[in-house]
PDB file of all heavy atoms in Angstrom:
ATOM      1  N   ALA A   1       1.872   3.396   3.946  1.00  0.00           N
ATOM      2  CA  ALA A   1       2.487   2.689   5.078  1.00  0.00           C
ATOM      3  C   ALA A   1       1.420   2.125   6.011  1.00  0.00           C
ATOM      4  O   ALA A   1       1.499   0.971   6.443  1.00  0.00           O
ATOM      5  CB  ALA A   1       3.418   3.626   5.837  1.00  0.00           C
ATOM      6  N   ALA A   2       0.391   2.942   6.313  1.00  0.00           N
ATOM      7  CA  ALA A   2      -0.671   2.492   7.214  1.00  0.00           C
ATOM      8  C   ALA A   2      -1.456   1.340   6.604  1.00  0.00           C
ATOM      9  O   ALA A   2      -1.818   0.383   7.295  1.00  0.00           O
ATOM     10  CB  ALA A   2      -1.608   3.657   7.527  1.00  0.00           C
ATOM     11  N   ALA A   3      -1.713   1.411   5.293  1.00  0.00           N
ATOM     12  CA  ALA A   3      -2.455   0.344   4.625  1.00  0.00           C
ATOM     13  C   ALA A   3      -1.671  -0.964   4.656  1.00  0.00           C
ATOM     14  O   ALA A   3      -2.234  -2.043   4.882  1.00  0.00           O
ATOM     15  CB  ALA A   3      -2.758   0.749   3.189  1.00  0.00           C
ATOM     16  N   GLY A   4      -0.366  -0.864   4.442  1.00  0.00           N
ATOM     17  CA  GLY A   4       0.466  -2.067   4.481  1.00  0.00           C
ATOM     18  C   GLY A   4       0.481  -2.712   5.844  1.00  0.00           C
ATOM     19  O   GLY A   4       0.408  -3.941   5.976  1.00  0.00           O
ATOM     20  N   ILE A   5       0.547  -1.875   6.881  1.00  0.00           N
ATOM     21  CA  ILE A   5       0.518  -2.405   8.247  1.00  0.00           C
ATOM     22  C   ILE A   5      -0.844  -3.015   8.556  1.00  0.00           C
ATOM     23  O   ILE A   5      -0.941  -4.087   9.157  1.00  0.00           O
ATOM     24  CB  ILE A   5       0.854  -1.289   9.252  1.00  0.00           C
ATOM     25  CG1 ILE A   5       2.308  -0.839   9.073  1.00  0.00           C
ATOM     26  CG2 ILE A   5       0.620  -1.754  10.685  1.00  0.00           C
ATOM     27  CD1 ILE A   5       2.673   0.367   9.907  1.00  0.00           C
ATOM     28  N   ALA A   6      -1.917  -2.328   8.127  1.00  0.00           N
ATOM     29  CA  ALA A   6      -3.274  -2.792   8.431  1.00  0.00           C
ATOM     30  C   ALA A   6      -3.547  -4.161   7.825  1.00  0.00           C
ATOM     31  O   ALA A   6      -4.153  -5.031   8.463  1.00  0.00           O
ATOM     32  CB  ALA A   6      -4.294  -1.777   7.926  1.00  0.00           C
ATOM     33  N   ILE A   7      -3.109  -4.367   6.604  1.00  0.00           N
ATOM     34  CA  ILE A   7      -3.346  -5.648   5.937  1.00  0.00           C
ATOM     35  C   ILE A   7      -2.735  -6.795   6.732  1.00  0.00           C
ATOM     36  O   ILE A   7      -3.289  -7.891   6.814  1.00  0.00           O
ATOM     37  CB  ILE A   7      -2.780  -5.611   4.509  1.00  0.00           C
ATOM     38  CG1 ILE A   7      -3.613  -4.654   3.645  1.00  0.00           C
ATOM     39  CG2 ILE A   7      -2.760  -7.003   3.884  1.00  0.00           C
ATOM     40  CD1 ILE A   7      -3.033  -4.422   2.271  1.00  0.00           C
ATOM     41  N   LEU A   8      -1.587  -6.524   7.342  1.00  0.00           N
ATOM     42  CA  LEU A   8      -0.879  -7.576   8.066  1.00  0.00           C
ATOM     43  C   LEU A   8      -1.268  -7.652   9.537  1.00  0.00           C
ATOM     44  O   LEU A   8      -1.165  -8.716  10.153  1.00  0.00           O
ATOM     45  CB  LEU A   8       0.636  -7.343   7.945  1.00  0.00           C
ATOM     46  CG  LEU A   8       1.200  -7.481   6.524  1.00  0.00           C
ATOM     47  CD1 LEU A   8       2.618  -6.941   6.476  1.00  0.00           C
ATOM     48  CD2 LEU A   8       1.174  -8.927   6.073  1.00  0.00           C
ATOM     49  N   ALA A   9      -1.722  -6.532  10.093  1.00  0.00           N
ATOM     50  CA  ALA A   9      -1.983  -6.495  11.531  1.00  0.00           C
ATOM     51  C   ALA A   9      -3.444  -6.721  11.900  1.00  0.00           C
ATOM     52  O   ALA A   9      -3.736  -7.250  12.971  1.00  0.00           O
ATOM     53  CB  ALA A   9      -1.521  -5.157  12.105  1.00  0.00           C
ATOM     54  N   LEU A  10      -4.368  -6.309  11.029  1.00  0.00           N
ATOM     55  CA  LEU A  10      -5.782  -6.443  11.363  1.00  0.00           C
ATOM     56  C   LEU A  10      -6.228  -7.896  11.294  1.00  0.00           C
ATOM     57  O   LEU A  10      -5.627  -8.714  10.571  1.00  0.00           O
ATOM     58  CB  LEU A  10      -6.612  -5.582  10.410  1.00  0.00           C
ATOM     59  CG  LEU A  10      -6.426  -4.062  10.542  1.00  0.00           C
ATOM     60  CD1 LEU A  10      -7.287  -3.332   9.527  1.00  0.00           C
ATOM     61  CD2 LEU A  10      -6.779  -3.592  11.958  1.00  0.00           C
ATOM     62  N   PRO A  11      -7.310  -8.249  12.003  1.00  0.00           N
ATOM     63  CA  PRO A  11      -7.793  -9.644  12.010  1.00  0.00           C
ATOM     64  C   PRO A  11      -8.531  -9.997  10.725  1.00  0.00           C
ATOM     65  O   PRO A  11      -9.767 -10.015  10.675  1.00  0.00           O
ATOM     66  CB  PRO A  11      -8.735  -9.667  13.219  1.00  0.00           C
ATOM     67  CG  PRO A  11      -9.216  -8.258  13.352  1.00  0.00           C
ATOM     68  CD  PRO A  11      -8.059  -7.398  12.947  1.00  0.00           C
ATOM     69  N   VAL A  12      -7.769 -10.248   9.673  1.00  0.00           N
ATOM     70  CA  VAL A  12      -8.369 -10.583   8.382  1.00  0.00           C
ATOM     71  C   VAL A  12      -8.317 -12.089   8.120  1.00  0.00           C
ATOM     72  O   VAL A  12      -8.582 -12.521   7.000  1.00  0.00           O
ATOM     73  CB  VAL A  12      -7.641  -9.827   7.236  1.00  0.00           C
ATOM     74  CG1 VAL A  12      -7.837  -8.331   7.373  1.00  0.00           C
ATOM     75  CG2 VAL A  12      -6.148 -10.176   7.242  1.00  0.00           C
ATOM     76  N   ASP A  13      -8.023 -12.869   9.145  1.00  0.00           N
ATOM     77  CA  ASP A  13      -7.891 -14.315   8.955  1.00  0.00           C
ATOM     78  C   ASP A  13      -9.158 -14.938   8.388  1.00  0.00           C
ATOM     79  O   ASP A  13      -9.096 -15.814   7.523  1.00  0.00           O
ATOM     80  CB  ASP A  13      -7.542 -14.994  10.287  1.00  0.00           C
ATOM     81  CG  ASP A  13      -6.325 -14.377  10.943  1.00  0.00           C
ATOM     82  OD1 ASP A  13      -6.374 -13.157  11.214  1.00  0.00           O
ATOM     83  OD2 ASP A  13      -5.349 -15.093  11.180  1.00  0.00           O
ATOM     84  N   SER A  14     -10.332 -14.463   8.858  1.00  0.00           N
ATOM     85  CA  SER A  14     -11.588 -15.065   8.402  1.00  0.00           C
ATOM     86  C   SER A  14     -11.810 -14.833   6.920  1.00  0.00           C
ATOM     87  O   SER A  14     -12.429 -15.643   6.234  1.00  0.00           O
ATOM     88  CB  SER A  14     -12.760 -14.481   9.195  1.00  0.00           C
ATOM     89  OG  SER A  14     -12.810 -13.066   9.050  1.00  0.00           O
ATOM     90  N   LEU A  15     -11.280 -13.710   6.396  1.00  0.00           N
ATOM     91  CA  LEU A  15     -11.437 -13.426   4.968  1.00  0.00           C
ATOM     92  C   LEU A  15     -10.599 -14.362   4.114  1.00  0.00           C
ATOM     93  O   LEU A  15     -10.886 -14.569   2.935  1.00  0.00           O
ATOM     94  CB  LEU A  15     -11.045 -11.975   4.672  1.00  0.00           C
ATOM     95  CG  LEU A  15     -11.861 -10.892   5.396  1.00  0.00           C
ATOM     96  CD1 LEU A  15     -11.306  -9.525   5.053  1.00  0.00           C
ATOM     97  CD2 LEU A  15     -13.336 -10.994   5.002  1.00  0.00           C
ATOM     98  N   LEU A  16      -9.558 -14.925   4.702  1.00  0.00           N
ATOM     99  CA  LEU A  16      -8.653 -15.791   3.951  1.00  0.00           C
ATOM    100  C   LEU A  16      -8.920 -17.263   4.210  1.00  0.00           C
ATOM    101  O   LEU A  16      -8.293 -18.124   3.586  1.00  0.00           O
ATOM    102  CB  LEU A  16      -7.197 -15.478   4.336  1.00  0.00           C
ATOM    103  CG  LEU A  16      -6.718 -14.057   4.064  1.00  0.00           C
ATOM    104  CD1 LEU A  16      -5.322 -13.849   4.635  1.00  0.00           C
ATOM    105  CD2 LEU A  16      -6.727 -13.746   2.575  1.00  0.00           C
ATOM    106  N   ALA A  17      -9.840 -17.542   5.114  1.00  0.00           N
ATOM    107  CA  ALA A  17     -10.044 -18.931   5.533  1.00  0.00           C
ATOM    108  C   ALA A  17     -10.426 -19.846   4.386  1.00  0.00           C
ATOM    109  O   ALA A  17     -10.041 -21.010   4.345  1.00  0.00           O
ATOM    110  CB  ALA A  17     -11.126 -18.988   6.619  1.00  0.00           C
ATOM    111  N   GLY A  18     -11.168 -19.317   3.427  1.00  0.00           N
ATOM    112  CA  GLY A  18     -11.596 -20.174   2.324  1.00  0.00           C
ATOM    113  C   GLY A  18     -10.600 -20.252   1.194  1.00  0.00           C
ATOM    114  O   GLY A  18     -10.840 -20.927   0.195  1.00  0.00           O
ATOM    115  N   ASN A  19      -9.493 -19.575   1.314  1.00  0.00           N
ATOM    116  CA  ASN A  19      -8.491 -19.563   0.253  1.00  0.00           C
ATOM    117  C   ASN A  19      -7.310 -20.459   0.631  1.00  0.00           C
ATOM    118  O   ASN A  19      -7.361 -21.188   1.619  1.00  0.00           O
ATOM    119  CB  ASN A  19      -8.015 -18.127   0.010  1.00  0.00           C
ATOM    120  CG  ASN A  19      -9.149 -17.246  -0.476  1.00  0.00           C
ATOM    121  OD1 ASN A  19      -9.818 -17.574  -1.448  1.00  0.00           O
ATOM    122  ND2 ASN A  19      -9.379 -16.129   0.216  1.00  0.00           N
ATOM    123  N   ASP A  20      -6.280 -20.360  -0.161  1.00  0.00           N
ATOM    124  CA  ASP A  20      -5.083 -21.168   0.066  1.00  0.00           C
ATOM    125  C   ASP A  20      -4.524 -20.891   1.466  1.00  0.00           C
ATOM    126  O   ASP A  20      -4.359 -19.733   1.867  1.00  0.00           O
ATOM    127  CB  ASP A  20      -4.031 -20.824  -0.993  1.00  0.00           C
ATOM    128  CG  ASP A  20      -2.928 -21.867  -1.044  1.00  0.00           C
ATOM    129  OD1 ASP A  20      -2.523 -22.359   0.017  1.00  0.00           O
ATOM    130  OD2 ASP A  20      -2.490 -22.188  -2.159  1.00  0.00           O
ATOM    131  N   SER A  21      -4.247 -21.939   2.213  1.00  0.00           N
ATOM    132  CA  SER A  21      -3.760 -21.791   3.585  1.00  0.00           C
ATOM    133  C   SER A  21      -2.391 -21.126   3.651  1.00  0.00           C
ATOM    134  O   SER A  21      -1.958 -20.698   4.720  1.00  0.00           O
ATOM    135  CB  SER A  21      -3.688 -23.156   4.272  1.00  0.00           C
ATOM    136  OG  SER A  21      -2.790 -24.019   3.582  1.00  0.00           O
ATOM    137  N   ARG A  22      -1.707 -21.024   2.517  1.00  0.00           N
ATOM    138  CA  ARG A  22      -0.391 -20.376   2.515  1.00  0.00           C
ATOM    139  C   ARG A  22      -0.488 -18.933   2.977  1.00  0.00           C
ATOM    140  O   ARG A  22       0.418 -18.412   3.638  1.00  0.00           O
ATOM    141  CB  ARG A  22       0.231 -20.428   1.120  1.00  0.00           C
ATOM    142  CG  ARG A  22       0.728 -21.807   0.691  1.00  0.00           C
ATOM    143  CD  ARG A  22       1.284 -21.749  -0.710  1.00  0.00           C
ATOM    144  NE  ARG A  22       0.250 -21.312  -1.649  1.00  0.00           N
ATOM    145  CZ  ARG A  22       0.498 -21.037  -2.937  1.00  0.00           C
ATOM    146  NH1 ARG A  22       1.723 -21.115  -3.397  1.00  0.00           N
ATOM    147  NH2 ARG A  22      -0.483 -20.671  -3.746  1.00  0.00           N
ATOM    148  N   TYR A  23      -1.587 -18.248   2.605  1.00  0.00           N
ATOM    149  CA  TYR A  23      -1.732 -16.857   2.993  1.00  0.00           C
ATOM    150  C   TYR A  23      -1.825 -16.714   4.510  1.00  0.00           C
ATOM    151  O   TYR A  23      -1.297 -15.765   5.091  1.00  0.00           O
ATOM    152  CB  TYR A  23      -2.973 -16.248   2.333  1.00  0.00           C
ATOM    153  CG  TYR A  23      -2.873 -16.212   0.822  1.00  0.00           C
ATOM    154  CD1 TYR A  23      -3.723 -16.968   0.032  1.00  0.00           C
ATOM    155  CD2 TYR A  23      -1.916 -15.412   0.195  1.00  0.00           C
ATOM    156  CE1 TYR A  23      -3.627 -16.938  -1.349  1.00  0.00           C
ATOM    157  CE2 TYR A  23      -1.807 -15.375  -1.188  1.00  0.00           C
ATOM    158  CZ  TYR A  23      -2.674 -16.148  -1.960  1.00  0.00           C
ATOM    159  OH  TYR A  23      -2.568 -16.115  -3.320  1.00  0.00           O
ATOM    160  N   LEU A  24      -2.517 -17.656   5.151  1.00  0.00           N
ATOM    161  CA  LEU A  24      -2.600 -17.636   6.609  1.00  0.00           C
ATOM    162  C   LEU A  24      -1.231 -17.872   7.231  1.00  0.00           C
ATOM    163  O   LEU A  24      -0.887 -17.267   8.250  1.00  0.00           O
ATOM    164  CB  LEU A  24      -3.595 -18.698   7.088  1.00  0.00           C
ATOM    165  CG  LEU A  24      -5.072 -18.417   6.794  1.00  0.00           C
ATOM    166  CD1 LEU A  24      -5.931 -19.606   7.204  1.00  0.00           C
ATOM    167  CD2 LEU A  24      -5.533 -17.160   7.511  1.00  0.00           C
ATOM    168  N   GLU A  25      -0.449 -18.737   6.602  1.00  0.00           N
ATOM    169  CA  GLU A  25       0.904 -18.981   7.098  1.00  0.00           C
ATOM    170  C   GLU A  25       1.749 -17.722   6.987  1.00  0.00           C
ATOM    171  O   GLU A  25       2.542 -17.397   7.879  1.00  0.00           O
ATOM    172  CB  GLU A  25       1.553 -20.126   6.320  1.00  0.00           C
ATOM    173  CG  GLU A  25       0.894 -21.484   6.561  1.00  0.00           C
ATOM    174  CD  GLU A  25       1.528 -22.577   5.724  1.00  0.00           C
ATOM    175  OE1 GLU A  25       2.554 -22.285   5.066  1.00  0.00           O
ATOM    176  OE2 GLU A  25       1.017 -23.699   5.723  1.00  0.00           O
ATOM    177  N   TYR A  26       1.592 -17.012   5.858  1.00  0.00           N
ATOM    178  CA  TYR A  26       2.327 -15.760   5.686  1.00  0.00           C
ATOM    179  C   TYR A  26       1.954 -14.763   6.787  1.00  0.00           C
ATOM    180  O   TYR A  26       2.825 -14.077   7.344  1.00  0.00           O
ATOM    181  CB  TYR A  26       2.016 -15.137   4.315  1.00  0.00           C
ATOM    182  CG  TYR A  26       2.490 -15.949   3.140  1.00  0.00           C
ATOM    183  CD1 TYR A  26       1.867 -15.836   1.897  1.00  0.00           C
ATOM    184  CD2 TYR A  26       3.568 -16.826   3.250  1.00  0.00           C
ATOM    185  CE1 TYR A  26       2.294 -16.574   0.813  1.00  0.00           C
ATOM    186  CE2 TYR A  26       3.999 -17.575   2.168  1.00  0.00           C
ATOM    187  CZ  TYR A  26       3.355 -17.449   0.950  1.00  0.00           C
ATOM    188  OH  TYR A  26       3.779 -18.181  -0.127  1.00  0.00           O
ATOM    189  N   LEU A  27       0.659 -14.658   7.085  1.00  0.00           N
ATOM    190  CA  LEU A  27       0.205 -13.743   8.130  1.00  0.00           C
ATOM    191  C   LEU A  27       0.770 -14.111   9.491  1.00  0.00           C
ATOM    192  O   LEU A  27       1.225 -13.255  10.254  1.00  0.00           O
ATOM    193  CB  LEU A  27      -1.328 -13.737   8.192  1.00  0.00           C
ATOM    194  CG  LEU A  27      -2.061 -12.779   7.254  1.00  0.00           C
ATOM    195  CD1 LEU A  27      -3.567 -12.971   7.398  1.00  0.00           C
ATOM    196  CD2 LEU A  27      -1.686 -11.343   7.528  1.00  0.00           C
ATOM    197  N   GLU A  28       0.723 -15.405   9.795  1.00  0.00           N
ATOM    198  CA  GLU A  28       1.233 -15.862  11.089  1.00  0.00           C
ATOM    199  C   GLU A  28       2.720 -15.559  11.226  1.00  0.00           C
ATOM    200  O   GLU A  28       3.190 -15.114  12.269  1.00  0.00           O
ATOM    201  CB  GLU A  28       0.972 -17.358  11.246  1.00  0.00           C
ATOM    202  CG  GLU A  28      -0.510 -17.704  11.415  1.00  0.00           C
ATOM    203  CD  GLU A  28      -0.752 -19.208  11.406  1.00  0.00           C
ATOM    204  OE1 GLU A  28       0.247 -19.952  11.281  1.00  0.00           O
ATOM    205  OE2 GLU A  28      -1.910 -19.616  11.516  1.00  0.00           O
ATOM    206  N   THR A  29       3.470 -15.800  10.141  1.00  0.00           N
ATOM    207  CA  THR A  29       4.910 -15.508  10.162  1.00  0.00           C
ATOM    208  C   THR A  29       5.151 -14.016  10.326  1.00  0.00           C
ATOM    209  O   THR A  29       6.021 -13.584  11.092  1.00  0.00           O
ATOM    210  CB  THR A  29       5.568 -16.003   8.866  1.00  0.00           C
ATOM    211  OG1 THR A  29       5.357 -17.410   8.730  1.00  0.00           O
ATOM    212  CG2 THR A  29       7.066 -15.714   8.880  1.00  0.00           C
ATOM    213  N   ALA A  30       4.366 -13.208   9.599  1.00  0.00           N
ATOM    214  CA  ALA A  30       4.527 -11.755   9.668  1.00  0.00           C
ATOM    215  C   ALA A  30       4.256 -11.236  11.075  1.00  0.00           C
ATOM    216  O   ALA A  30       4.987 -10.396  11.596  1.00  0.00           O
ATOM    217  CB  ALA A  30       3.596 -11.083   8.667  1.00  0.00           C
ATOM    218  N   ARG A  31       3.199 -11.755  11.698  1.00  0.00           N
ATOM    219  CA  ARG A  31       2.860 -11.293  13.042  1.00  0.00           C
ATOM    220  C   ARG A  31       3.904 -11.739  14.060  1.00  0.00           C
ATOM    221  O   ARG A  31       4.197 -11.014  15.020  1.00  0.00           O
ATOM    222  CB  ARG A  31       1.478 -11.802  13.417  1.00  0.00           C
ATOM    223  CG  ARG A  31       0.374 -11.107  12.626  1.00  0.00           C
ATOM    224  CD  ARG A  31      -0.954 -11.801  12.756  1.00  0.00           C
ATOM    225  NE  ARG A  31      -1.978 -11.132  11.960  1.00  0.00           N
ATOM    226  CZ  ARG A  31      -3.178 -11.643  11.710  1.00  0.00           C
ATOM    227  NH1 ARG A  31      -3.491 -12.832  12.186  1.00  0.00           N
ATOM    228  NH2 ARG A  31      -4.042 -10.975  10.982  1.00  0.00           N
ATOM    229  N   LYS A  32       4.464 -12.902  13.866  1.00  0.00           N
ATOM    230  CA  LYS A  32       5.527 -13.366  14.752  1.00  0.00           C
ATOM    231  C   LYS A  32       6.744 -12.448  14.627  1.00  0.00           C
ATOM    232  O   LYS A  32       7.390 -12.111  15.618  1.00  0.00           O
ATOM    233  CB  LYS A  32       5.923 -14.803  14.421  1.00  0.00           C
ATOM    234  CG  LYS A  32       6.986 -15.377  15.353  1.00  0.00           C
ATOM    235  CD  LYS A  32       7.317 -16.806  14.993  1.00  0.00           C
ATOM    236  CE  LYS A  32       8.332 -17.390  15.979  1.00  0.00           C
ATOM    237  NZ  LYS A  32       9.586 -16.628  16.018  1.00  0.00           N
ATOM    238  N   ASN A  33       7.047 -12.033  13.383  1.00  0.00           N
ATOM    239  CA  ASN A  33       8.164 -11.110  13.182  1.00  0.00           C
ATOM    240  C   ASN A  33       7.933  -9.808  13.946  1.00  0.00           C
ATOM    241  O   ASN A  33       8.859  -9.223  14.515  1.00  0.00           O
ATOM    242  CB  ASN A  33       8.340 -10.824  11.698  1.00  0.00           C
ATOM    243  CG  ASN A  33       8.866 -12.023  10.932  1.00  0.00           C
ATOM    244  OD1 ASN A  33       9.443 -12.932  11.509  1.00  0.00           O
ATOM    245  ND2 ASN A  33       8.653 -12.039   9.631  1.00  0.00           N
ATOM    246  N   ALA A  34       6.673  -9.338  13.930  1.00  0.00           N
ATOM    247  CA  ALA A  34       6.356  -8.092  14.631  1.00  0.00           C
ATOM    248  C   ALA A  34       6.532  -8.238  16.132  1.00  0.00           C
ATOM    249  O   ALA A  34       7.011  -7.332  16.812  1.00  0.00           O
ATOM    250  CB  ALA A  34       4.927  -7.662  14.307  1.00  0.00           C
ATOM    251  N   LEU A  35       6.159  -9.403  16.653  1.00  0.00           N
ATOM    252  CA  LEU A  35       6.319  -9.639  18.094  1.00  0.00           C
ATOM    253  C   LEU A  35       7.782  -9.753  18.481  1.00  0.00           C
ATOM    254  O   LEU A  35       8.164  -9.441  19.612  1.00  0.00           O
ATOM    255  CB  LEU A  35       5.574 -10.918  18.498  1.00  0.00           C
ATOM    256  CG  LEU A  35       4.043 -10.851  18.425  1.00  0.00           C
ATOM    257  CD1 LEU A  35       3.448 -12.225  18.705  1.00  0.00           C
ATOM    258  CD2 LEU A  35       3.499  -9.818  19.401  1.00  0.00           C
ATOM    259  N   ASP A  36       8.618 -10.197  17.529  1.00  0.00           N
ATOM    260  CA  ASP A  36      10.045 -10.382  17.803  1.00  0.00           C
ATOM    261  C   ASP A  36      10.868  -9.149  17.450  1.00  0.00           C
ATOM    262  O   ASP A  36      12.091  -9.218  17.373  1.00  0.00           O
ATOM    263  CB  ASP A  36      10.577 -11.588  17.015  1.00  0.00           C
ATOM    264  CG  ASP A  36       9.983 -12.896  17.506  1.00  0.00           C
ATOM    265  OD1 ASP A  36       9.502 -12.924  18.650  1.00  0.00           O
ATOM    266  OD2 ASP A  36       9.974 -13.874  16.734  1.00  0.00           O
TER     267      ASP A  36
END
């Protein structure tokens, strides 16, 4: 459970910057869900 939360909550955007931008979109959507 903690690992799943960490993957989505920690600032891993820089690790994904060179990959498909879809992953960043998924992260942004996930974090918005958490705020809501």
